[in-house]
Amino acid sequence: MFESLNDPVDVLTAFLEGGFEPLRFRWKGKVVRIRKVTGRWSRREGQAVLRYFAVEGGNDDTYELCYDPRGPRWILSRAWNGVA
């Protein structure tokens, strides 16, 4: 199942070697531990550069997280595999 979202989430982030990546996030009262970052890309929106991360959580659930520096804030953009 695929779900298109725009939910703000709290994300524990690691800052390494001039970059960063999500480690886990809280969504709907649950903490999702990120097992693996499977993709990353950027998209410009006006002056801001949005950073996207495709990640795997437990039970092979897949998520798309977006870091928006204008907030700064994290958004859960999409979820797959029976996540509701």
PDB file of N, CA and C in Angstrom:
ATOM      1  N   MET A   1       0.843  -1.185   0.000  1.00  0.00           N
ATOM      2  CA  MET A   1       0.000   0.000   0.000  1.00  0.00           C
ATOM      3  C   MET A   1       0.880   1.237   0.000  1.00  0.00           C
ATOM      4  N   PHE A   2       0.487   2.219  -0.733  1.00  0.00           N
ATOM      5  CA  PHE A   2       1.203   3.486  -0.841  1.00  0.00           C
ATOM      6  C   PHE A   2       0.343   4.586  -0.252  1.00  0.00           C
ATOM      7  N   GLU A   3       0.965   5.439   0.523  1.00  0.00           N
ATOM      8  CA  GLU A   3       0.252   6.545   1.133  1.00  0.00           C
ATOM      9  C   GLU A   3       1.027   7.825   0.896  1.00  0.00           C
ATOM     10  N   SER A   4       0.406   8.820   0.285  1.00  0.00           N
ATOM     11  CA  SER A   4       1.034  10.121   0.093  1.00  0.00           C
ATOM     12  C   SER A   4       0.655  10.995   1.278  1.00  0.00           C
ATOM     13  N   LEU A   5       1.664  11.521   1.959  1.00  0.00           N
ATOM     14  CA  LEU A   5       1.462  12.259   3.202  1.00  0.00           C
ATOM     15  C   LEU A   5       2.112  13.626   3.113  1.00  0.00           C
ATOM     16  N   ASN A   6       1.908  14.403   4.111  1.00  0.00           N
ATOM     17  CA  ASN A   6       2.635  15.663   4.293  1.00  0.00           C
ATOM     18  C   ASN A   6       2.696  15.926   5.790  1.00  0.00           C
ATOM     19  N   ASP A   7       3.080  14.886   6.547  1.00  0.00           N
ATOM     20  CA  ASP A   7       3.045  14.952   8.007  1.00  0.00           C
ATOM     21  C   ASP A   7       4.364  15.462   8.577  1.00  0.00           C
ATOM     22  N   PRO A   8       4.321  16.497   9.417  1.00  0.00           N
ATOM     23  CA  PRO A   8       5.549  16.900  10.105  1.00  0.00           C
ATOM     24  C   PRO A   8       5.960  15.804  11.090  1.00  0.00           C
ATOM     25  N   VAL A   9       7.257  15.531  11.172  1.00  0.00           N
ATOM     26  CA  VAL A   9       7.770  14.507  12.080  1.00  0.00           C
ATOM     27  C   VAL A   9       9.022  15.015  12.774  1.00  0.00           C
ATOM     28  N   ASP A  10       9.275  14.478  13.970  1.00  0.00           N
ATOM     29  CA  ASP A  10      10.520  14.735  14.684  1.00  0.00           C
ATOM     30  C   ASP A  10      11.518  13.684  14.243  1.00  0.00           C
ATOM     31  N   VAL A  11      12.728  14.118  13.869  1.00  0.00           N
ATOM     32  CA  VAL A  11      13.732  13.204  13.343  1.00  0.00           C
ATOM     33  C   VAL A  11      15.029  13.360  14.124  1.00  0.00           C
ATOM     34  N   LEU A  12      15.577  12.235  14.583  1.00  0.00           N
ATOM     35  CA  LEU A  12      16.919  12.220  15.155  1.00  0.00           C
ATOM     36  C   LEU A  12      17.868  12.130  13.972  1.00  0.00           C
ATOM     37  N   THR A  13      18.773  13.099  13.867  1.00  0.00           N
ATOM     38  CA  THR A  13      19.615  13.249  12.686  1.00  0.00           C
ATOM     39  C   THR A  13      21.083  13.164  13.060  1.00  0.00           C
ATOM     40  N   ALA A  14      21.867  12.469  12.238  1.00  0.00           N
ATOM     41  CA  ALA A  14      23.324  12.409  12.404  1.00  0.00           C
ATOM     42  C   ALA A  14      23.954  13.387  11.420  1.00  0.00           C
ATOM     43  N   PHE A  15      24.874  14.202  11.918  1.00  0.00           N
ATOM     44  CA  PHE A  15      25.617  15.138  11.081  1.00  0.00           C
ATOM     45  C   PHE A  15      27.036  14.613  10.962  1.00  0.00           C
ATOM     46  N   LEU A  16      27.421  14.204   9.743  1.00  0.00           N
ATOM     47  CA  LEU A  16      28.709  13.570   9.510  1.00  0.00           C
ATOM     48  C   LEU A  16      29.383  14.145   8.273  1.00  0.00           C
ATOM     49  N   GLU A  17      30.645  14.490   8.398  1.00  0.00           N
ATOM     50  CA  GLU A  17      31.465  14.893   7.253  1.00  0.00           C
ATOM     51  C   GLU A  17      30.776  15.903   6.340  1.00  0.00           C
ATOM     52  N   GLY A  18      30.204  16.935   6.908  1.00  0.00           N
ATOM     53  CA  GLY A  18      29.569  17.984   6.130  1.00  0.00           C
ATOM     54  C   GLY A  18      28.180  17.660   5.614  1.00  0.00           C
ATOM     55  N   GLY A  19      27.688  16.458   5.881  1.00  0.00           N
ATOM     56  CA  GLY A  19      26.347  16.081   5.452  1.00  0.00           C
ATOM     57  C   GLY A  19      25.519  15.632   6.638  1.00  0.00           C
ATOM     58  N   PHE A  20      24.346  15.117   6.377  1.00  0.00           N
ATOM     59  CA  PHE A  20      23.494  14.627   7.454  1.00  0.00           C
ATOM     60  C   PHE A  20      22.584  13.535   6.905  1.00  0.00           C
ATOM     61  N   GLU A  21      22.082  12.702   7.827  1.00  0.00           N
ATOM     62  CA  GLU A  21      21.092  11.701   7.452  1.00  0.00           C
ATOM     63  C   GLU A  21      20.247  11.335   8.654  1.00  0.00           C
ATOM     64  N   PRO A  22      18.996  10.944   8.392  1.00  0.00           N
ATOM     65  CA  PRO A  22      18.077  10.594   9.478  1.00  0.00           C
ATOM     66  C   PRO A  22      18.430   9.236  10.086  1.00  0.00           C
ATOM     67  N   LEU A  23      18.250   9.122  11.412  1.00  0.00           N
ATOM     68  CA  LEU A  23      18.492   7.868  12.127  1.00  0.00           C
ATOM     69  C   LEU A  23      17.194   7.205  12.571  1.00  0.00           C
ATOM     70  N   ARG A  24      16.253   8.009  13.040  1.00  0.00           N
ATOM     71  CA  ARG A  24      14.924   7.524  13.422  1.00  0.00           C
ATOM     72  C   ARG A  24      13.984   8.714  13.488  1.00  0.00           C
ATOM     73  N   PHE A  25      12.681   8.418  13.448  1.00  0.00           N
ATOM     74  CA  PHE A  25      11.697   9.497  13.503  1.00  0.00           C
ATOM     75  C   PHE A  25      10.462   9.036  14.266  1.00  0.00           C
ATOM     76  N   ARG A  26       9.708  10.010  14.756  1.00  0.00           N
ATOM     77  CA  ARG A  26       8.467   9.743  15.493  1.00  0.00           C
ATOM     78  C   ARG A  26       7.301  10.125  14.596  1.00  0.00           C
ATOM     79  N   TRP A  27       6.400   9.141  14.385  1.00  0.00           N
ATOM     80  CA  TRP A  27       5.220   9.366  13.550  1.00  0.00           C
ATOM     81  C   TRP A  27       4.028   8.671  14.190  1.00  0.00           C
ATOM     82  N   LYS A  28       2.968   9.420  14.396  1.00  0.00           N
ATOM     83  CA  LYS A  28       1.738   8.900  15.013  1.00  0.00           C
ATOM     84  C   LYS A  28       2.027   8.230  16.352  1.00  0.00           C
ATOM     85  N   GLY A  29       2.922   8.828  17.129  1.00  0.00           N
ATOM     86  CA  GLY A  29       3.222   8.329  18.466  1.00  0.00           C
ATOM     87  C   GLY A  29       4.178   7.152  18.520  1.00  0.00           C
ATOM     88  N   LYS A  30       4.651   6.678  17.360  1.00  0.00           N
ATOM     89  CA  LYS A  30       5.586   5.557  17.328  1.00  0.00           C
ATOM     90  C   LYS A  30       6.948   6.026  16.839  1.00  0.00           C
ATOM     91  N   VAL A  31       7.999   5.399  17.365  1.00  0.00           N
ATOM     92  CA  VAL A  31       9.346   5.682  16.887  1.00  0.00           C
ATOM     93  C   VAL A  31       9.698   4.650  15.820  1.00  0.00           C
ATOM     94  N   VAL A  32      10.093   5.144  14.668  1.00  0.00           N
ATOM     95  CA  VAL A  32      10.503   4.285  13.558  1.00  0.00           C
ATOM     96  C   VAL A  32      12.019   4.369  13.451  1.00  0.00           C
ATOM     97  N   ARG A  33      12.698   3.260  13.675  1.00  0.00           N
ATOM     98  CA  ARG A  33      14.155   3.206  13.540  1.00  0.00           C
ATOM     99  C   ARG A  33      14.495   2.958  12.077  1.00  0.00           C
ATOM    100  N   ILE A  34      15.371   3.774  11.548  1.00  0.00           N
ATOM    101  CA  ILE A  34      15.764   3.652  10.151  1.00  0.00           C
ATOM    102  C   ILE A  34      16.868   2.617  10.036  1.00  0.00           C
ATOM    103  N   ARG A  35      16.566   1.569   9.328  1.00  0.00           N
ATOM    104  CA  ARG A  35      17.510   0.475   9.132  1.00  0.00           C
ATOM    105  C   ARG A  35      18.521   0.800   8.050  1.00  0.00           C
ATOM    106  N   LYS A  36      18.041   1.518   7.009  1.00  0.00           N
ATOM    107  CA  LYS A  36      18.909   1.773   5.862  1.00  0.00           C
ATOM    108  C   LYS A  36      18.393   2.977   5.076  1.00  0.00           C
ATOM    109  N   VAL A  37      19.313   3.842   4.640  1.00  0.00           N
ATOM    110  CA  VAL A  37      18.983   4.912   3.701  1.00  0.00           C
ATOM    111  C   VAL A  37      19.208   4.338   2.309  1.00  0.00           C
ATOM    112  N   THR A  38      18.148   4.255   1.507  1.00  0.00           N
ATOM    113  CA  THR A  38      18.245   3.618   0.194  1.00  0.00           C
ATOM    114  C   THR A  38      18.374   4.617  -0.955  1.00  0.00           C
ATOM    115  N   GLY A  39      18.156   5.890  -0.663  1.00  0.00           N
ATOM    116  CA  GLY A  39      18.287   6.901  -1.701  1.00  0.00           C
ATOM    117  C   GLY A  39      18.289   8.286  -1.101  1.00  0.00           C
ATOM    118  N   ARG A  40      18.886   9.215  -1.830  1.00  0.00           N
ATOM    119  CA  ARG A  40      18.879  10.617  -1.405  1.00  0.00           C
ATOM    120  C   ARG A  40      18.951  11.501  -2.639  1.00  0.00           C
ATOM    121  N   TRP A  41      18.220  12.599  -2.613  1.00  0.00           N
ATOM    122  CA  TRP A  41      18.206  13.536  -3.722  1.00  0.00           C
ATOM    123  C   TRP A  41      17.767  14.897  -3.209  1.00  0.00           C
ATOM    124  N   SER A  42      17.936  15.907  -4.043  1.00  0.00           N
ATOM    125  CA  SER A  42      17.592  17.288  -3.684  1.00  0.00           C
ATOM    126  C   SER A  42      16.657  17.867  -4.729  1.00  0.00           C
ATOM    127  N   ARG A  43      15.887  18.854  -4.294  1.00  0.00           N
ATOM    128  CA  ARG A  43      14.991  19.582  -5.205  1.00  0.00           C
ATOM    129  C   ARG A  43      14.946  21.033  -4.748  1.00  0.00           C
ATOM    130  N   ARG A  44      15.117  21.933  -5.672  1.00  0.00           N
ATOM    131  CA  ARG A  44      15.072  23.363  -5.345  1.00  0.00           C
ATOM    132  C   ARG A  44      13.626  23.839  -5.361  1.00  0.00           C
ATOM    133  N   GLU A  45      13.285  24.614  -4.336  1.00  0.00           N
ATOM    134  CA  GLU A  45      11.970  25.245  -4.253  1.00  0.00           C
ATOM    135  C   GLU A  45      12.221  26.704  -3.898  1.00  0.00           C
ATOM    136  N   GLY A  46      12.221  27.570  -4.911  1.00  0.00           N
ATOM    137  CA  GLY A  46      12.599  28.972  -4.692  1.00  0.00           C
ATOM    138  C   GLY A  46      14.081  29.028  -4.315  1.00  0.00           C
ATOM    139  N   GLN A  47      14.392  29.699  -3.218  1.00  0.00           N
ATOM    140  CA  GLN A  47      15.770  29.795  -2.742  1.00  0.00           C
ATOM    141  C   GLN A  47      16.190  28.579  -1.928  1.00  0.00           C
ATOM    142  N   ALA A  48      15.234  27.787  -1.478  1.00  0.00           N
ATOM    143  CA  ALA A  48      15.520  26.650  -0.593  1.00  0.00           C
ATOM    144  C   ALA A  48      15.852  25.391  -1.388  1.00  0.00           C
ATOM    145  N   VAL A  49      16.755  24.593  -0.839  1.00  0.00           N
ATOM    146  CA  VAL A  49      17.062  23.279  -1.396  1.00  0.00           C
ATOM    147  C   VAL A  49      16.507  22.238  -0.428  1.00  0.00           C
ATOM    148  N   LEU A  50      15.480  21.508  -0.870  1.00  0.00           N
ATOM    149  CA  LEU A  50      14.870  20.462  -0.047  1.00  0.00           C
ATOM    150  C   LEU A  50      15.678  19.192  -0.223  1.00  0.00           C
ATOM    151  N   ARG A  51      15.957  18.497   0.882  1.00  0.00           N
ATOM    152  CA  ARG A  51      16.734  17.255   0.858  1.00  0.00           C
ATOM    153  C   ARG A  51      15.800  16.088   1.146  1.00  0.00           C
ATOM    154  N   TYR A  52      15.778  15.124   0.259  1.00  0.00           N
ATOM    155  CA  TYR A  52      14.911  13.957   0.385  1.00  0.00           C
ATOM    156  C   TYR A  52      15.729  12.709   0.691  1.00  0.00           C
ATOM    157  N   PHE A  53      15.125  11.820   1.486  1.00  0.00           N
ATOM    158  CA  PHE A  53      15.748  10.557   1.850  1.00  0.00           C
ATOM    159  C   PHE A  53      14.720   9.445   1.720  1.00  0.00           C
ATOM    160  N   ALA A  54      15.043   8.402   0.967  1.00  0.00           N
ATOM    161  CA  ALA A  54      14.242   7.185   0.944  1.00  0.00           C
ATOM    162  C   ALA A  54      14.867   6.264   1.988  1.00  0.00           C
ATOM    163  N   VAL A  55      14.057   5.758   2.909  1.00  0.00           N
ATOM    164  CA  VAL A  55      14.591   4.960   4.018  1.00  0.00           C
ATOM    165  C   VAL A  55      13.750   3.711   4.241  1.00  0.00           C
ATOM    166  N   GLU A  56      14.400   2.688   4.807  1.00  0.00           N
ATOM    167  CA  GLU A  56      13.711   1.470   5.229  1.00  0.00           C
ATOM    168  C   GLU A  56      13.634   1.456   6.739  1.00  0.00           C
ATOM    169  N   GLY A  57      12.443   1.138   7.233  1.00  0.00           N
ATOM    170  CA  GLY A  57      12.255   0.959   8.660  1.00  0.00           C
ATOM    171  C   GLY A  57      12.122  -0.521   8.973  1.00  0.00           C
ATOM    172  N   GLY A  58      11.549  -0.836  10.118  1.00  0.00           N
ATOM    173  CA  GLY A  58      11.302  -2.227  10.461  1.00  0.00           C
ATOM    174  C   GLY A  58      10.216  -2.822   9.584  1.00  0.00           C
ATOM    175  N   ASN A  59      10.121  -4.142   9.554  1.00  0.00           N
ATOM    176  CA  ASN A  59       9.093  -4.862   8.785  1.00  0.00           C
ATOM    177  C   ASN A  59       9.103  -4.503   7.304  1.00  0.00           C
ATOM    178  N   ASP A  60      10.262  -4.099   6.784  1.00  0.00           N
ATOM    179  CA  ASP A  60      10.411  -3.724   5.372  1.00  0.00           C
ATOM    180  C   ASP A  60       9.515  -2.565   4.951  1.00  0.00           C
ATOM    181  N   ASP A  61       9.068  -1.758   5.892  1.00  0.00           N
ATOM    182  CA  ASP A  61       8.318  -0.556   5.553  1.00  0.00           C
ATOM    183  C   ASP A  61       9.292   0.455   4.948  1.00  0.00           C
ATOM    184  N   THR A  62       8.815   1.211   3.966  1.00  0.00           N
ATOM    185  CA  THR A  62       9.645   2.194   3.269  1.00  0.00           C
ATOM    186  C   THR A  62       8.998   3.559   3.392  1.00  0.00           C
ATOM    187  N   TYR A  63       9.852   4.581   3.588  1.00  0.00           N
ATOM    188  CA  TYR A  63       9.359   5.937   3.806  1.00  0.00           C
ATOM    189  C   TYR A  63      10.169   6.922   2.975  1.00  0.00           C
ATOM    190  N   GLU A  64       9.560   8.073   2.707  1.00  0.00           N
ATOM    191  CA  GLU A  64      10.275   9.175   2.082  1.00  0.00           C
ATOM    192  C   GLU A  64      10.205  10.356   3.047  1.00  0.00           C
ATOM    193  N   LEU A  65      11.370  10.803   3.506  1.00  0.00           N
ATOM    194  CA  LEU A  65      11.473  11.940   4.409  1.00  0.00           C
ATOM    195  C   LEU A  65      12.044  13.130   3.650  1.00  0.00           C
ATOM    196  N   CYS A  66      11.589  14.319   3.995  1.00  0.00           N
ATOM    197  CA  CYS A  66      12.081  15.543   3.370  1.00  0.00           C
ATOM    198  C   CYS A  66      12.530  16.514   4.454  1.00  0.00           C
ATOM    199  N   TYR A  67      13.756  17.024   4.311  1.00  0.00           N
ATOM    200  CA  TYR A  67      14.241  18.078   5.207  1.00  0.00           C
ATOM    201  C   TYR A  67      14.057  19.403   4.484  1.00  0.00           C
ATOM    202  N   ASP A  68      13.297  20.299   5.111  1.00  0.00           N
ATOM    203  CA  ASP A  68      13.035  21.628   4.563  1.00  0.00           C
ATOM    204  C   ASP A  68      13.760  22.637   5.449  1.00  0.00           C
ATOM    205  N   PRO A  69      14.834  23.265   4.953  1.00  0.00           N
ATOM    206  CA  PRO A  69      15.624  24.177   5.788  1.00  0.00           C
ATOM    207  C   PRO A  69      14.909  25.476   6.134  1.00  0.00           C
ATOM    208  N   ARG A  70      13.781  25.771   5.493  1.00  0.00           N
ATOM    209  CA  ARG A  70      13.071  27.018   5.778  1.00  0.00           C
ATOM    210  C   ARG A  70      12.430  27.016   7.145  1.00  0.00           C
ATOM    211  N   GLY A  71      12.172  25.838   7.724  1.00  0.00           N
ATOM    212  CA  GLY A  71      11.535  25.733   9.034  1.00  0.00           C
ATOM    213  C   GLY A  71      12.474  26.022  10.180  1.00  0.00           C
ATOM    214  N   PRO A  72      13.552  25.331  10.345  1.00  0.00           N
ATOM    215  CA  PRO A  72      13.799  24.056   9.669  1.00  0.00           C
ATOM    216  C   PRO A  72      12.834  22.995  10.185  1.00  0.00           C
ATOM    217  N   ARG A  73      12.511  22.045   9.309  1.00  0.00           N
ATOM    218  CA  ARG A  73      11.563  21.004   9.693  1.00  0.00           C
ATOM    219  C   ARG A  73      11.744  19.779   8.810  1.00  0.00           C
ATOM    220  N   TRP A  74      11.279  18.656   9.324  1.00  0.00           N
ATOM    221  CA  TRP A  74      11.243  17.399   8.587  1.00  0.00           C
ATOM    222  C   TRP A  74       9.791  17.066   8.274  1.00  0.00           C
ATOM    223  N   ILE A  75       9.561  16.521   7.079  1.00  0.00           N
ATOM    224  CA  ILE A  75       8.224  16.118   6.641  1.00  0.00           C
ATOM    225  C   ILE A  75       8.291  14.658   6.201  1.00  0.00           C
ATOM    226  N   LEU A  76       7.326  13.867   6.618  1.00  0.00           N
ATOM    227  CA  LEU A  76       7.167  12.521   6.087  1.00  0.00           C
ATOM    228  C   LEU A  76       6.289  12.650   4.848  1.00  0.00           C
ATOM    229  N   SER A  77       6.895  12.478   3.675  1.00  0.00           N
ATOM    230  CA  SER A  77       6.205  12.708   2.404  1.00  0.00           C
ATOM    231  C   SER A  77       5.369  11.520   1.964  1.00  0.00           C
ATOM    232  N   ARG A  78       5.947  10.308   2.105  1.00  0.00           N
ATOM    233  CA  ARG A  78       5.276   9.098   1.621  1.00  0.00           C
ATOM    234  C   ARG A  78       5.610   7.904   2.495  1.00  0.00           C
ATOM    235  N   ALA A  79       4.724   6.927   2.448  1.00  0.00           N
ATOM    236  CA  ALA A  79       4.944   5.666   3.167  1.00  0.00           C
ATOM    237  C   ALA A  79       4.407   4.525   2.305  1.00  0.00           C
ATOM    238  N   TRP A  80       5.099   3.365   2.347  1.00  0.00           N
ATOM    239  CA  TRP A  80       4.701   2.188   1.568  1.00  0.00           C
ATOM    240  C   TRP A  80       4.605   0.977   2.482  1.00  0.00           C
ATOM    241  N   ASN A  81       3.966  -0.090   1.993  1.00  0.00           N
ATOM    242  CA  ASN A  81       3.919  -1.421   2.625  1.00  0.00           C
ATOM    243  C   ASN A  81       3.015  -1.515   3.850  1.00  0.00           C
ATOM    244  N   GLY A  82       1.804  -1.145   3.698  1.00  0.00           N
ATOM    245  CA  GLY A  82       0.834  -1.361   4.756  1.00  0.00           C
ATOM    246  C   GLY A  82       0.944  -0.420   5.931  1.00  0.00           C
ATOM    247  N   VAL A  83       1.664   0.674   5.808  1.00  0.00           N
ATOM    248  CA  VAL A  83       1.778   1.654   6.891  1.00  0.00           C
ATOM    249  C   VAL A  83       0.550   2.549   6.840  1.00  0.00           C
ATOM    250  N   ALA A  84      -0.112   2.669   7.989  1.00  0.00           N
ATOM    251  CA  ALA A  84      -1.292   3.551   8.028  1.00  0.00           C
ATOM    252  C   ALA A  84      -1.370   4.249   9.355  1.00  0.00           C
TER     253      ALA A  84
END
